[in-house]
Amino acid sequence: MSPEALNSFFSLCIGFAFAGALASGYQAFASRPAGFGLLNEGIAPRAFAAVPFLVFAAPFIIMRNTLMGVKVERRRFEFVMMATIIAGFWSLMSGTFFLMTLRAAGVLA
């Protein structure tokens, strides 16, 4: 495995782990699961604060909603595969950003 592929895989894993940690922390704090409905709070500071949270928690929310939709609504394979690809790419990008931020802060070498 090339170093670039390993770095991308690590970014993907970090992105999903960070998304899961954020969504689980929100659920523990607010006693309800995180979702894209946080943006429907109207024009309020809460809605603006939800945007950066959802940017990083979105891969977990997408996969959670997709897997629940498979059980409840019997969604087709194509829909599940497309949602998985979108969540994976989103996780790769957020994980890359998170690792670049840690490197810039001097936490990682």
PDB file of N, CA and C in Angstrom:
ATOM      1  N   MET A   1       0.855  -1.170   0.000  1.00  0.00           N
ATOM      2  CA  MET A   1       0.000   0.000   0.000  1.00  0.00           C
ATOM      3  C   MET A   1       0.897   1.228   0.000  1.00  0.00           C
ATOM      4  N   SER A   2       0.589   2.168  -0.884  1.00  0.00           N
ATOM      5  CA  SER A   2       1.411   3.371  -0.994  1.00  0.00           C
ATOM      6  C   SER A   2       1.164   4.293   0.199  1.00  0.00           C
ATOM      7  N   PRO A   3       2.132   5.154   0.487  1.00  0.00           N
ATOM      8  CA  PRO A   3       1.947   6.090   1.603  1.00  0.00           C
ATOM      9  C   PRO A   3       0.758   7.034   1.398  1.00  0.00           C
ATOM     10  N   GLU A   4       0.489   7.416   0.150  1.00  0.00           N
ATOM     11  CA  GLU A   4      -0.646   8.299  -0.127  1.00  0.00           C
ATOM     12  C   GLU A   4      -1.972   7.604   0.163  1.00  0.00           C
ATOM     13  N   ALA A   5      -2.064   6.324  -0.236  1.00  0.00           N
ATOM     14  CA  ALA A   5      -3.286   5.565   0.022  1.00  0.00           C
ATOM     15  C   ALA A   5      -3.487   5.353   1.521  1.00  0.00           C
ATOM     16  N   LEU A   6      -2.407   5.081   2.225  1.00  0.00           N
ATOM     17  CA  LEU A   6      -2.492   4.899   3.672  1.00  0.00           C
ATOM     18  C   LEU A   6      -2.911   6.190   4.360  1.00  0.00           C
ATOM     19  N   ASN A   7      -2.385   7.313   3.888  1.00  0.00           N
ATOM     20  CA  ASN A   7      -2.758   8.611   4.452  1.00  0.00           C
ATOM     21  C   ASN A   7      -4.234   8.902   4.195  1.00  0.00           C
ATOM     22  N   SER A   8      -4.716   8.585   2.995  1.00  0.00           N
ATOM     23  CA  SER A   8      -6.133   8.796   2.680  1.00  0.00           C
ATOM     24  C   SER A   8      -7.019   7.898   3.530  1.00  0.00           C
ATOM     25  N   PHE A   9      -6.617   6.653   3.708  1.00  0.00           N
ATOM     26  CA  PHE A   9      -7.387   5.737   4.543  1.00  0.00           C
ATOM     27  C   PHE A   9      -7.433   6.224   5.984  1.00  0.00           C
ATOM     28  N   PHE A  10      -6.310   6.715   6.480  1.00  0.00           N
ATOM     29  CA  PHE A  10      -6.257   7.251   7.844  1.00  0.00           C
ATOM     30  C   PHE A  10      -7.156   8.484   7.972  1.00  0.00           C
ATOM     31  N   SER A  11      -7.153   9.350   6.968  1.00  0.00           N
ATOM     32  CA  SER A  11      -8.028  10.532   6.978  1.00  0.00           C
ATOM     33  C   SER A  11      -9.493  10.126   6.968  1.00  0.00           C
ATOM     34  N   LEU A  12      -9.829   9.107   6.178  1.00  0.00           N
ATOM     35  CA  LEU A  12     -11.198   8.605   6.129  1.00  0.00           C
ATOM     36  C   LEU A  12     -11.638   8.092   7.498  1.00  0.00           C
ATOM     37  N   CYS A  13     -10.784   7.302   8.119  1.00  0.00           N
ATOM     38  CA  CYS A  13     -11.112   6.751   9.444  1.00  0.00           C
ATOM     39  C   CYS A  13     -11.231   7.851  10.502  1.00  0.00           C
ATOM     40  N   ILE A  14     -10.316   8.799  10.474  1.00  0.00           N
ATOM     41  CA  ILE A  14     -10.368   9.911  11.426  1.00  0.00           C
ATOM     42  C   ILE A  14     -11.632  10.738  11.211  1.00  0.00           C
ATOM     43  N   GLY A  15     -12.008  10.949   9.957  1.00  0.00           N
ATOM     44  CA  GLY A  15     -13.219  11.716   9.660  1.00  0.00           C
ATOM     45  C   GLY A  15     -14.468  11.044  10.201  1.00  0.00           C
ATOM     46  N   PHE A  16     -14.590   9.720   9.991  1.00  0.00           N
ATOM     47  CA  PHE A  16     -15.748   9.007  10.522  1.00  0.00           C
ATOM     48  C   PHE A  16     -15.727   8.973  12.051  1.00  0.00           C
ATOM     49  N   ALA A  17     -14.556   8.782  12.632  1.00  0.00           N
ATOM     50  CA  ALA A  17     -14.464   8.741  14.097  1.00  0.00           C
ATOM     51  C   ALA A  17     -14.821  10.101  14.705  1.00  0.00           C
ATOM     52  N   PHE A  18     -14.338  11.172  14.095  1.00  0.00           N
ATOM     53  CA  PHE A  18     -14.629  12.512  14.593  1.00  0.00           C
ATOM     54  C   PHE A  18     -16.119  12.823  14.448  1.00  0.00           C
ATOM     55  N   ALA A  19     -16.709  12.422  13.316  1.00  0.00           N
ATOM     56  CA  ALA A  19     -18.144  12.637  13.102  1.00  0.00           C
ATOM     57  C   ALA A  19     -18.964  11.864  14.131  1.00  0.00           C
ATOM     58  N   GLY A  20     -18.589  10.627  14.385  1.00  0.00           N
ATOM     59  CA  GLY A  20     -19.304   9.823  15.382  1.00  0.00           C
ATOM     60  C   GLY A  20     -19.169  10.389  16.778  1.00  0.00           C
ATOM     61  N   ALA A  21     -17.980  10.875  17.104  1.00  0.00           N
ATOM     62  CA  ALA A  21     -17.772  11.463  18.433  1.00  0.00           C
ATOM     63  C   ALA A  21     -18.604  12.738  18.611  1.00  0.00           C
ATOM     64  N   LEU A  22     -18.650  13.570  17.580  1.00  0.00           N
ATOM     65  CA  LEU A  22     -19.454  14.791  17.667  1.00  0.00           C
ATOM     66  C   LEU A  22     -20.938  14.483  17.815  1.00  0.00           C
ATOM     67  N   ALA A  23     -21.437  13.564  16.971  1.00  0.00           N
ATOM     68  CA  ALA A  23     -22.869  13.240  17.014  1.00  0.00           C
ATOM     69  C   ALA A  23     -23.241  12.553  18.328  1.00  0.00           C
ATOM     70  N   SER A  24     -22.379  11.688  18.824  1.00  0.00           N
ATOM     71  CA  SER A  24     -22.655  11.017  20.095  1.00  0.00           C
ATOM     72  C   SER A  24     -22.585  11.996  21.266  1.00  0.00           C
ATOM     73  N   GLY A  25     -21.626  12.918  21.209  1.00  0.00           N
ATOM     74  CA  GLY A  25     -21.535  13.947  22.248  1.00  0.00           C
ATOM     75  C   GLY A  25     -22.755  14.844  22.256  1.00  0.00           C
ATOM     76  N   TYR A  26     -23.234  15.194  21.069  1.00  0.00           N
ATOM     77  CA  TYR A  26     -24.449  16.002  20.986  1.00  0.00           C
ATOM     78  C   TYR A  26     -25.638  15.249  21.563  1.00  0.00           C
ATOM     79  N   GLN A  27     -25.747  13.972  21.227  1.00  0.00           N
ATOM     80  CA  GLN A  27     -26.874  13.177  21.729  1.00  0.00           C
ATOM     81  C   GLN A  27     -26.809  13.039  23.248  1.00  0.00           C
ATOM     82  N   ALA A  28     -25.629  12.884  23.799  1.00  0.00           N
ATOM     83  CA  ALA A  28     -25.499  12.792  25.251  1.00  0.00           C
ATOM     84  C   ALA A  28     -25.843  14.119  25.924  1.00  0.00           C
ATOM     85  N   PHE A  29     -25.473  15.207  25.284  1.00  0.00           N
ATOM     86  CA  PHE A  29     -25.718  16.524  25.858  1.00  0.00           C
ATOM     87  C   PHE A  29     -27.171  16.967  25.704  1.00  0.00           C
ATOM     88  N   ALA A  30     -27.753  16.758  24.517  1.00  0.00           N
ATOM     89  CA  ALA A  30     -29.088  17.276  24.222  1.00  0.00           C
ATOM     90  C   ALA A  30     -30.196  16.247  24.418  1.00  0.00           C
ATOM     91  N   SER A  31     -29.861  15.012  24.691  1.00  0.00           N
ATOM     92  CA  SER A  31     -30.837  13.924  24.884  1.00  0.00           C
ATOM     93  C   SER A  31     -31.711  13.691  23.651  1.00  0.00           C
ATOM     94  N   ARG A  32     -31.179  13.982  22.477  1.00  0.00           N
ATOM     95  CA  ARG A  32     -31.844  13.673  21.212  1.00  0.00           C
ATOM     96  C   ARG A  32     -30.755  13.545  20.150  1.00  0.00           C
ATOM     97  N   PRO A  33     -31.004  12.742  19.136  1.00  0.00           N
ATOM     98  CA  PRO A  33     -29.958  12.557  18.120  1.00  0.00           C
ATOM     99  C   PRO A  33     -29.785  13.801  17.251  1.00  0.00           C
ATOM    100  N   ALA A  34     -28.568  14.014  16.812  1.00  0.00           N
ATOM    101  CA  ALA A  34     -28.275  15.133  15.922  1.00  0.00           C
ATOM    102  C   ALA A  34     -28.839  14.835  14.545  1.00  0.00           C
ATOM    103  N   GLY A  35     -29.267  15.872  13.867  1.00  0.00           N
ATOM    104  CA  GLY A  35     -29.798  15.718  12.516  1.00  0.00           C
ATOM    105  C   GLY A  35     -29.734  17.025  11.769  1.00  0.00           C
ATOM    106  N   PHE A  36     -30.062  16.960  10.488  1.00  0.00           N
ATOM    107  CA  PHE A  36     -30.032  18.164   9.669  1.00  0.00           C
ATOM    108  C   PHE A  36     -31.170  19.117  10.006  1.00  0.00           C
ATOM    109  N   GLY A  37     -32.110  18.693  10.832  1.00  0.00           N
ATOM    110  CA  GLY A  37     -33.184  19.555  11.292  1.00  0.00           C
ATOM    111  C   GLY A  37     -32.695  20.684  12.184  1.00  0.00           C
ATOM    112  N   LEU A  38     -31.450  20.622  12.624  1.00  0.00           N
ATOM    113  CA  LEU A  38     -30.891  21.716  13.426  1.00  0.00           C
ATOM    114  C   LEU A  38     -30.838  23.023  12.636  1.00  0.00           C
ATOM    115  N   LEU A  39     -30.837  22.911  11.316  1.00  0.00           N
ATOM    116  CA  LEU A  39     -30.803  24.113  10.485  1.00  0.00           C
ATOM    117  C   LEU A  39     -32.167  24.774  10.356  1.00  0.00           C
ATOM    118  N   ASN A  40     -33.224  24.087  10.771  1.00  0.00           N
ATOM    119  CA  ASN A  40     -34.585  24.608  10.650  1.00  0.00           C
ATOM    120  C   ASN A  40     -35.021  25.442  11.841  1.00  0.00           C
ATOM    121  N   GLU A  41     -34.090  25.958  12.595  1.00  0.00           N
ATOM    122  CA  GLU A  41     -34.416  26.744  13.779  1.00  0.00           C
ATOM    123  C   GLU A  41     -34.707  28.203  13.439  1.00  0.00           C
ATOM    124  N   GLY A  42     -34.763  28.543  12.160  1.00  0.00           N
ATOM    125  CA  GLY A  42     -34.985  29.921  11.758  1.00  0.00           C
ATOM    126  C   GLY A  42     -33.684  30.706  11.800  1.00  0.00           C
ATOM    127  N   ILE A  43     -33.805  32.013  11.718  1.00  0.00           N
ATOM    128  CA  ILE A  43     -32.610  32.860  11.770  1.00  0.00           C
ATOM    129  C   ILE A  43     -32.318  33.127  13.238  1.00  0.00           C
ATOM    130  N   ALA A  44     -31.446  32.331  13.766  1.00  0.00           N
ATOM    131  CA  ALA A  44     -31.079  32.433  15.171  1.00  0.00           C
ATOM    132  C   ALA A  44     -29.620  32.027  15.308  1.00  0.00           C
ATOM    133  N   PRO A  45     -28.985  32.444  16.390  1.00  0.00           N
ATOM    134  CA  PRO A  45     -27.594  32.021  16.587  1.00  0.00           C
ATOM    135  C   PRO A  45     -27.427  30.499  16.626  1.00  0.00           C
ATOM    136  N   ARG A  46     -28.468  29.796  17.076  1.00  0.00           N
ATOM    137  CA  ARG A  46     -28.411  28.333  17.111  1.00  0.00           C
ATOM    138  C   ARG A  46     -28.225  27.739  15.724  1.00  0.00           C
ATOM    139  N   ALA A  47     -28.955  28.268  14.756  1.00  0.00           N
ATOM    140  CA  ALA A  47     -28.863  27.755  13.384  1.00  0.00           C
ATOM    141  C   ALA A  47     -27.479  28.026  12.804  1.00  0.00           C
ATOM    142  N   PHE A  48     -26.912  29.186  13.092  1.00  0.00           N
ATOM    143  CA  PHE A  48     -25.578  29.488  12.592  1.00  0.00           C
ATOM    144  C   PHE A  48     -24.518  28.647  13.297  1.00  0.00           C
ATOM    145  N   ALA A  49     -24.709  28.349  14.551  1.00  0.00           N
ATOM    146  CA  ALA A  49     -23.771  27.494  15.274  1.00  0.00           C
ATOM    147  C   ALA A  49     -23.880  26.044  14.819  1.00  0.00           C
ATOM    148  N   ALA A  50     -25.020  25.664  14.276  1.00  0.00           N
ATOM    149  CA  ALA A  50     -25.214  24.285  13.823  1.00  0.00           C
ATOM    150  C   ALA A  50     -24.443  23.990  12.545  1.00  0.00           C
ATOM    151  N   VAL A  51     -24.139  25.008  11.757  1.00  0.00           N
ATOM    152  CA  VAL A  51     -23.471  24.776  10.471  1.00  0.00           C
ATOM    153  C   VAL A  51     -22.092  24.141  10.643  1.00  0.00           C
ATOM    154  N   PRO A  52     -21.174  24.710  11.438  1.00  0.00           N
ATOM    155  CA  PRO A  52     -19.872  24.041  11.580  1.00  0.00           C
ATOM    156  C   PRO A  52     -19.991  22.661  12.242  1.00  0.00           C
ATOM    157  N   PHE A  53     -20.925  22.512  13.154  1.00  0.00           N
ATOM    158  CA  PHE A  53     -21.144  21.207  13.773  1.00  0.00           C
ATOM    159  C   PHE A  53     -21.569  20.183  12.730  1.00  0.00           C
ATOM    160  N   LEU A  54     -22.522  20.558  11.885  1.00  0.00           N
ATOM    161  CA  LEU A  54     -23.024  19.633  10.873  1.00  0.00           C
ATOM    162  C   LEU A  54     -22.003  19.356   9.781  1.00  0.00           C
ATOM    163  N   VAL A  55     -21.110  20.288   9.519  1.00  0.00           N
ATOM    164  CA  VAL A  55     -20.069  20.052   8.522  1.00  0.00           C
ATOM    165  C   VAL A  55     -19.221  18.851   8.922  1.00  0.00           C
ATOM    166  N   PHE A  56     -18.911  18.731  10.192  1.00  0.00           N
ATOM    167  CA  PHE A  56     -18.061  17.632  10.639  1.00  0.00           C
ATOM    168  C   PHE A  56     -18.848  16.406  11.087  1.00  0.00           C
ATOM    169  N   ALA A  57     -20.083  16.557  11.506  1.00  0.00           N
ATOM    170  CA  ALA A  57     -20.887  15.419  11.967  1.00  0.00           C
ATOM    171  C   ALA A  57     -21.707  14.780  10.847  1.00  0.00           C
ATOM    172  N   ALA A  58     -21.736  15.394   9.676  1.00  0.00           N
ATOM    173  CA  ALA A  58     -22.596  14.928   8.584  1.00  0.00           C
ATOM    174  C   ALA A  58     -22.337  13.489   8.142  1.00  0.00           C
ATOM    175  N   PRO A  59     -21.097  13.000   8.015  1.00  0.00           N
ATOM    176  CA  PRO A  59     -20.938  11.607   7.573  1.00  0.00           C
ATOM    177  C   PRO A  59     -21.647  10.608   8.489  1.00  0.00           C
ATOM    178  N   PHE A  60     -21.571  10.832   9.782  1.00  0.00           N
ATOM    179  CA  PHE A  60     -22.249   9.936  10.721  1.00  0.00           C
ATOM    180  C   PHE A  60     -23.760  10.039  10.573  1.00  0.00           C
ATOM    181  N   ILE A  61     -24.276  11.252  10.433  1.00  0.00           N
ATOM    182  CA  ILE A  61     -25.720  11.451  10.314  1.00  0.00           C
ATOM    183  C   ILE A  61     -26.240  10.834   9.015  1.00  0.00           C
ATOM    184  N   ILE A  62     -25.498  11.017   7.923  1.00  0.00           N
ATOM    185  CA  ILE A  62     -25.902  10.436   6.643  1.00  0.00           C
ATOM    186  C   ILE A  62     -25.960   8.917   6.739  1.00  0.00           C
ATOM    187  N   MET A  63     -24.938   8.305   7.306  1.00  0.00           N
ATOM    188  CA  MET A  63     -24.914   6.841   7.392  1.00  0.00           C
ATOM    189  C   MET A  63     -25.975   6.324   8.362  1.00  0.00           C
ATOM    190  N   ARG A  64     -26.185   7.020   9.471  1.00  0.00           N
ATOM    191  CA  ARG A  64     -27.223   6.600  10.409  1.00  0.00           C
ATOM    192  C   ARG A  64     -28.600   6.643   9.756  1.00  0.00           C
ATOM    193  N   ASN A  65     -28.891   7.741   9.069  1.00  0.00           N
ATOM    194  CA  ASN A  65     -30.183   7.865   8.404  1.00  0.00           C
ATOM    195  C   ASN A  65     -30.336   6.847   7.278  1.00  0.00           C
ATOM    196  N   THR A  66     -29.266   6.573   6.558  1.00  0.00           N
ATOM    197  CA  THR A  66     -29.314   5.601   5.466  1.00  0.00           C
ATOM    198  C   THR A  66     -29.564   4.201   5.987  1.00  0.00           C
ATOM    199  N   LEU A  67     -28.854   3.809   7.021  1.00  0.00           N
ATOM    200  CA  LEU A  67     -29.028   2.454   7.557  1.00  0.00           C
ATOM    201  C   LEU A  67     -30.390   2.277   8.222  1.00  0.00           C
ATOM    202  N   MET A  68     -30.903   3.327   8.839  1.00  0.00           N
ATOM    203  CA  MET A  68     -32.258   3.237   9.394  1.00  0.00           C
ATOM    204  C   MET A  68     -33.286   3.181   8.274  1.00  0.00           C
ATOM    205  N   GLY A  69     -33.027   3.889   7.172  1.00  0.00           N
ATOM    206  CA  GLY A  69     -33.930   3.849   6.032  1.00  0.00           C
ATOM    207  C   GLY A  69     -33.960   2.493   5.356  1.00  0.00           C
ATOM    208  N   VAL A  70     -32.837   1.776   5.394  1.00  0.00           N
ATOM    209  CA  VAL A  70     -32.804   0.431   4.822  1.00  0.00           C
ATOM    210  C   VAL A  70     -33.715  -0.497   5.619  1.00  0.00           C
ATOM    211  N   LYS A  71     -33.678  -0.384   6.926  1.00  0.00           N
ATOM    212  CA  LYS A  71     -34.501  -1.249   7.775  1.00  0.00           C
ATOM    213  C   LYS A  71     -35.980  -0.882   7.695  1.00  0.00           C
ATOM    214  N   VAL A  72     -36.279   0.410   7.758  1.00  0.00           N
ATOM    215  CA  VAL A  72     -37.665   0.868   7.860  1.00  0.00           C
ATOM    216  C   VAL A  72     -38.335   0.968   6.490  1.00  0.00           C
ATOM    217  N   GLU A  73     -37.670   1.623   5.539  1.00  0.00           N
ATOM    218  CA  GLU A  73     -38.300   1.918   4.258  1.00  0.00           C
ATOM    219  C   GLU A  73     -37.922   0.949   3.146  1.00  0.00           C
ATOM    220  N   ARG A  74     -37.034   0.007   3.425  1.00  0.00           N
ATOM    221  CA  ARG A  74     -36.554  -0.936   2.410  1.00  0.00           C
ATOM    222  C   ARG A  74     -35.989  -0.201   1.197  1.00  0.00           C
ATOM    223  N   ARG A  75     -35.042   0.695   1.449  1.00  0.00           N
ATOM    224  CA  ARG A  75     -34.437   1.470   0.369  1.00  0.00           C
ATOM    225  C   ARG A  75     -33.627   0.561  -0.554  1.00  0.00           C
ATOM    226  N   ARG A  76     -33.521   0.974  -1.796  1.00  0.00           N
ATOM    227  CA  ARG A  76     -32.822   0.192  -2.799  1.00  0.00           C
ATOM    228  C   ARG A  76     -31.319   0.264  -2.592  1.00  0.00           C
ATOM    229  N   PHE A  77     -30.625  -0.735  -3.127  1.00  0.00           N
ATOM    230  CA  PHE A  77     -29.179  -0.844  -3.000  1.00  0.00           C
ATOM    231  C   PHE A  77     -28.477   0.368  -3.602  1.00  0.00           C
ATOM    232  N   GLU A  78     -28.960   0.863  -4.731  1.00  0.00           N
ATOM    233  CA  GLU A  78     -28.315   1.990  -5.399  1.00  0.00           C
ATOM    234  C   GLU A  78     -28.311   3.237  -4.524  1.00  0.00           C
ATOM    235  N   PHE A  79     -29.419   3.471  -3.828  1.00  0.00           N
ATOM    236  CA  PHE A  79     -29.509   4.628  -2.941  1.00  0.00           C
ATOM    237  C   PHE A  79     -28.525   4.493  -1.776  1.00  0.00           C
ATOM    238  N   VAL A  80     -28.462   3.302  -1.218  1.00  0.00           N
ATOM    239  CA  VAL A  80     -27.556   3.066  -0.084  1.00  0.00           C
ATOM    240  C   VAL A  80     -26.104   3.219  -0.523  1.00  0.00           C
ATOM    241  N   MET A  81     -25.774   2.717  -1.701  1.00  0.00           N
ATOM    242  CA  MET A  81     -24.406   2.824  -2.196  1.00  0.00           C
ATOM    243  C   MET A  81     -24.030   4.276  -2.453  1.00  0.00           C
ATOM    244  N   MET A  82     -24.927   5.045  -3.038  1.00  0.00           N
ATOM    245  CA  MET A  82     -24.644   6.458  -3.299  1.00  0.00           C
ATOM    246  C   MET A  82     -24.479   7.236  -1.993  1.00  0.00           C
ATOM    247  N   ALA A  83     -25.319   6.973  -1.013  1.00  0.00           N
ATOM    248  CA  ALA A  83     -25.195   7.648   0.289  1.00  0.00           C
ATOM    249  C   ALA A  83     -23.887   7.267   0.972  1.00  0.00           C
ATOM    250  N   THR A  84     -23.466   6.018   0.823  1.00  0.00           N
ATOM    251  CA  THR A  84     -22.204   5.575   1.413  1.00  0.00           C
ATOM    252  C   THR A  84     -21.022   6.269   0.755  1.00  0.00           C
ATOM    253  N   ILE A  85     -21.066   6.416  -0.554  1.00  0.00           N
ATOM    254  CA  ILE A  85     -19.987   7.106  -1.268  1.00  0.00           C
ATOM    255  C   ILE A  85     -19.931   8.573  -0.863  1.00  0.00           C
ATOM    256  N   ILE A  86     -21.082   9.222  -0.771  1.00  0.00           N
ATOM    257  CA  ILE A  86     -21.121  10.631  -0.365  1.00  0.00           C
ATOM    258  C   ILE A  86     -20.589  10.800   1.055  1.00  0.00           C
ATOM    259  N   ALA A  87     -21.046   9.946   1.972  1.00  0.00           N
ATOM    260  CA  ALA A  87     -20.576  10.030   3.362  1.00  0.00           C
ATOM    261  C   ALA A  87     -19.083   9.731   3.453  1.00  0.00           C
ATOM    262  N   GLY A  88     -18.615   8.780   2.664  1.00  0.00           N
ATOM    263  CA  GLY A  88     -17.183   8.451   2.679  1.00  0.00           C
ATOM    264  C   GLY A  88     -16.334   9.596   2.163  1.00  0.00           C
ATOM    265  N   PHE A  89     -16.750  10.206   1.058  1.00  0.00           N
ATOM    266  CA  PHE A  89     -15.994  11.339   0.524  1.00  0.00           C
ATOM    267  C   PHE A  89     -16.020  12.513   1.494  1.00  0.00           C
ATOM    268  N   TRP A  90     -17.184  12.767   2.088  1.00  0.00           N
ATOM    269  CA  TRP A  90     -17.309  13.854   3.060  1.00  0.00           C
ATOM    270  C   TRP A  90     -16.405  13.588   4.266  1.00  0.00           C
ATOM    271  N   SER A  91     -16.379  12.344   4.694  1.00  0.00           N
ATOM    272  CA  SER A  91     -15.535  11.971   5.820  1.00  0.00           C
ATOM    273  C   SER A  91     -14.059  12.119   5.469  1.00  0.00           C
ATOM    274  N   LEU A  92     -13.699  11.749   4.253  1.00  0.00           N
ATOM    275  CA  LEU A  92     -12.313  11.906   3.805  1.00  0.00           C
ATOM    276  C   LEU A  92     -11.894  13.364   3.838  1.00  0.00           C
ATOM    277  N   MET A  93     -12.764  14.248   3.365  1.00  0.00           N
ATOM    278  CA  MET A  93     -12.427  15.671   3.337  1.00  0.00           C
ATOM    279  C   MET A  93     -12.374  16.272   4.747  1.00  0.00           C
ATOM    280  N   SER A  94     -13.328  15.922   5.593  1.00  0.00           N
ATOM    281  CA  SER A  94     -13.305  16.480   6.953  1.00  0.00           C
ATOM    282  C   SER A  94     -12.149  15.894   7.753  1.00  0.00           C
ATOM    283  N   GLY A  95     -11.823  14.627   7.536  1.00  0.00           N
ATOM    284  CA  GLY A  95     -10.673  14.027   8.209  1.00  0.00           C
ATOM    285  C   GLY A  95      -9.368  14.658   7.760  1.00  0.00           C
ATOM    286  N   THR A  96      -9.259  14.954   6.464  1.00  0.00           N
ATOM    287  CA  THR A  96      -8.065  15.628   5.944  1.00  0.00           C
ATOM    288  C   THR A  96      -7.923  17.013   6.557  1.00  0.00           C
ATOM    289  N   PHE A  97      -9.024  17.743   6.637  1.00  0.00           N
ATOM    290  CA  PHE A  97      -8.991  19.072   7.254  1.00  0.00           C
ATOM    291  C   PHE A  97      -8.586  18.985   8.722  1.00  0.00           C
ATOM    292  N   PHE A  98      -9.149  18.010   9.432  1.00  0.00           N
ATOM    293  CA  PHE A  98      -8.843  17.839  10.853  1.00  0.00           C
ATOM    294  C   PHE A  98      -7.362  17.511  11.054  1.00  0.00           C
ATOM    295  N   LEU A  99      -6.816  16.610  10.233  1.00  0.00           N
ATOM    296  CA  LEU A  99      -5.399  16.262  10.357  1.00  0.00           C
ATOM    297  C   LEU A  99      -4.501  17.433   9.973  1.00  0.00           C
ATOM    298  N   MET A 100      -4.890  18.191   8.950  1.00  0.00           N
ATOM    299  CA  MET A 100      -4.091  19.366   8.577  1.00  0.00           C
ATOM    300  C   MET A 100      -4.091  20.407   9.693  1.00  0.00           C
ATOM    301  N   THR A 101      -5.224  20.550  10.374  1.00  0.00           N
ATOM    302  CA  THR A 101      -5.297  21.477  11.501  1.00  0.00           C
ATOM    303  C   THR A 101      -4.399  21.012  12.645  1.00  0.00           C
ATOM    304  N   LEU A 102      -4.383  19.726  12.921  1.00  0.00           N
ATOM    305  CA  LEU A 102      -3.514  19.198  13.978  1.00  0.00           C
ATOM    306  C   LEU A 102      -2.038  19.371  13.616  1.00  0.00           C
ATOM    307  N   ARG A 103      -1.705  19.167  12.348  1.00  0.00           N
ATOM    308  CA  ARG A 103      -0.317  19.362  11.908  1.00  0.00           C
ATOM    309  C   ARG A 103       0.086  20.834  12.000  1.00  0.00           C
ATOM    310  N   ALA A 104      -0.818  21.735  11.618  1.00  0.00           N
ATOM    311  CA  ALA A 104      -0.513  23.168  11.683  1.00  0.00           C
ATOM    312  C   ALA A 104      -0.340  23.635  13.121  1.00  0.00           C
ATOM    313  N   ALA A 105      -1.095  23.000  14.047  1.00  0.00           N
ATOM    314  CA  ALA A 105      -0.982  23.367  15.462  1.00  0.00           C
ATOM    315  C   ALA A 105       0.248  22.745  16.119  1.00  0.00           C
ATOM    316  N   GLY A 106       0.926  21.841  15.405  1.00  0.00           N
ATOM    317  CA  GLY A 106       2.135  21.223  15.948  1.00  0.00           C
ATOM    318  C   GLY A 106       1.857  19.994  16.800  1.00  0.00           C
ATOM    319  N   VAL A 107       0.619  19.510  16.794  1.00  0.00           N
ATOM    320  CA  VAL A 107       0.273  18.320  17.581  1.00  0.00           C
ATOM    321  C   VAL A 107       0.821  17.065  16.893  1.00  0.00           C
ATOM    322  N   LEU A 108       0.713  17.028  15.558  1.00  0.00           N
ATOM    323  CA  LEU A 108       1.239  15.907  14.778  1.00  0.00           C
ATOM    324  C   LEU A 108       2.478  16.353  14.028  1.00  0.00           C
ATOM    325  N   ALA A 109       3.360  15.403  13.799  1.00  0.00           N
ATOM    326  CA  ALA A 109       4.592  15.728  13.047  1.00  0.00           C
ATOM    327  C   ALA A 109       4.370  15.612  11.568  1.00  0.00           C
TER     328      ALA A 109
END
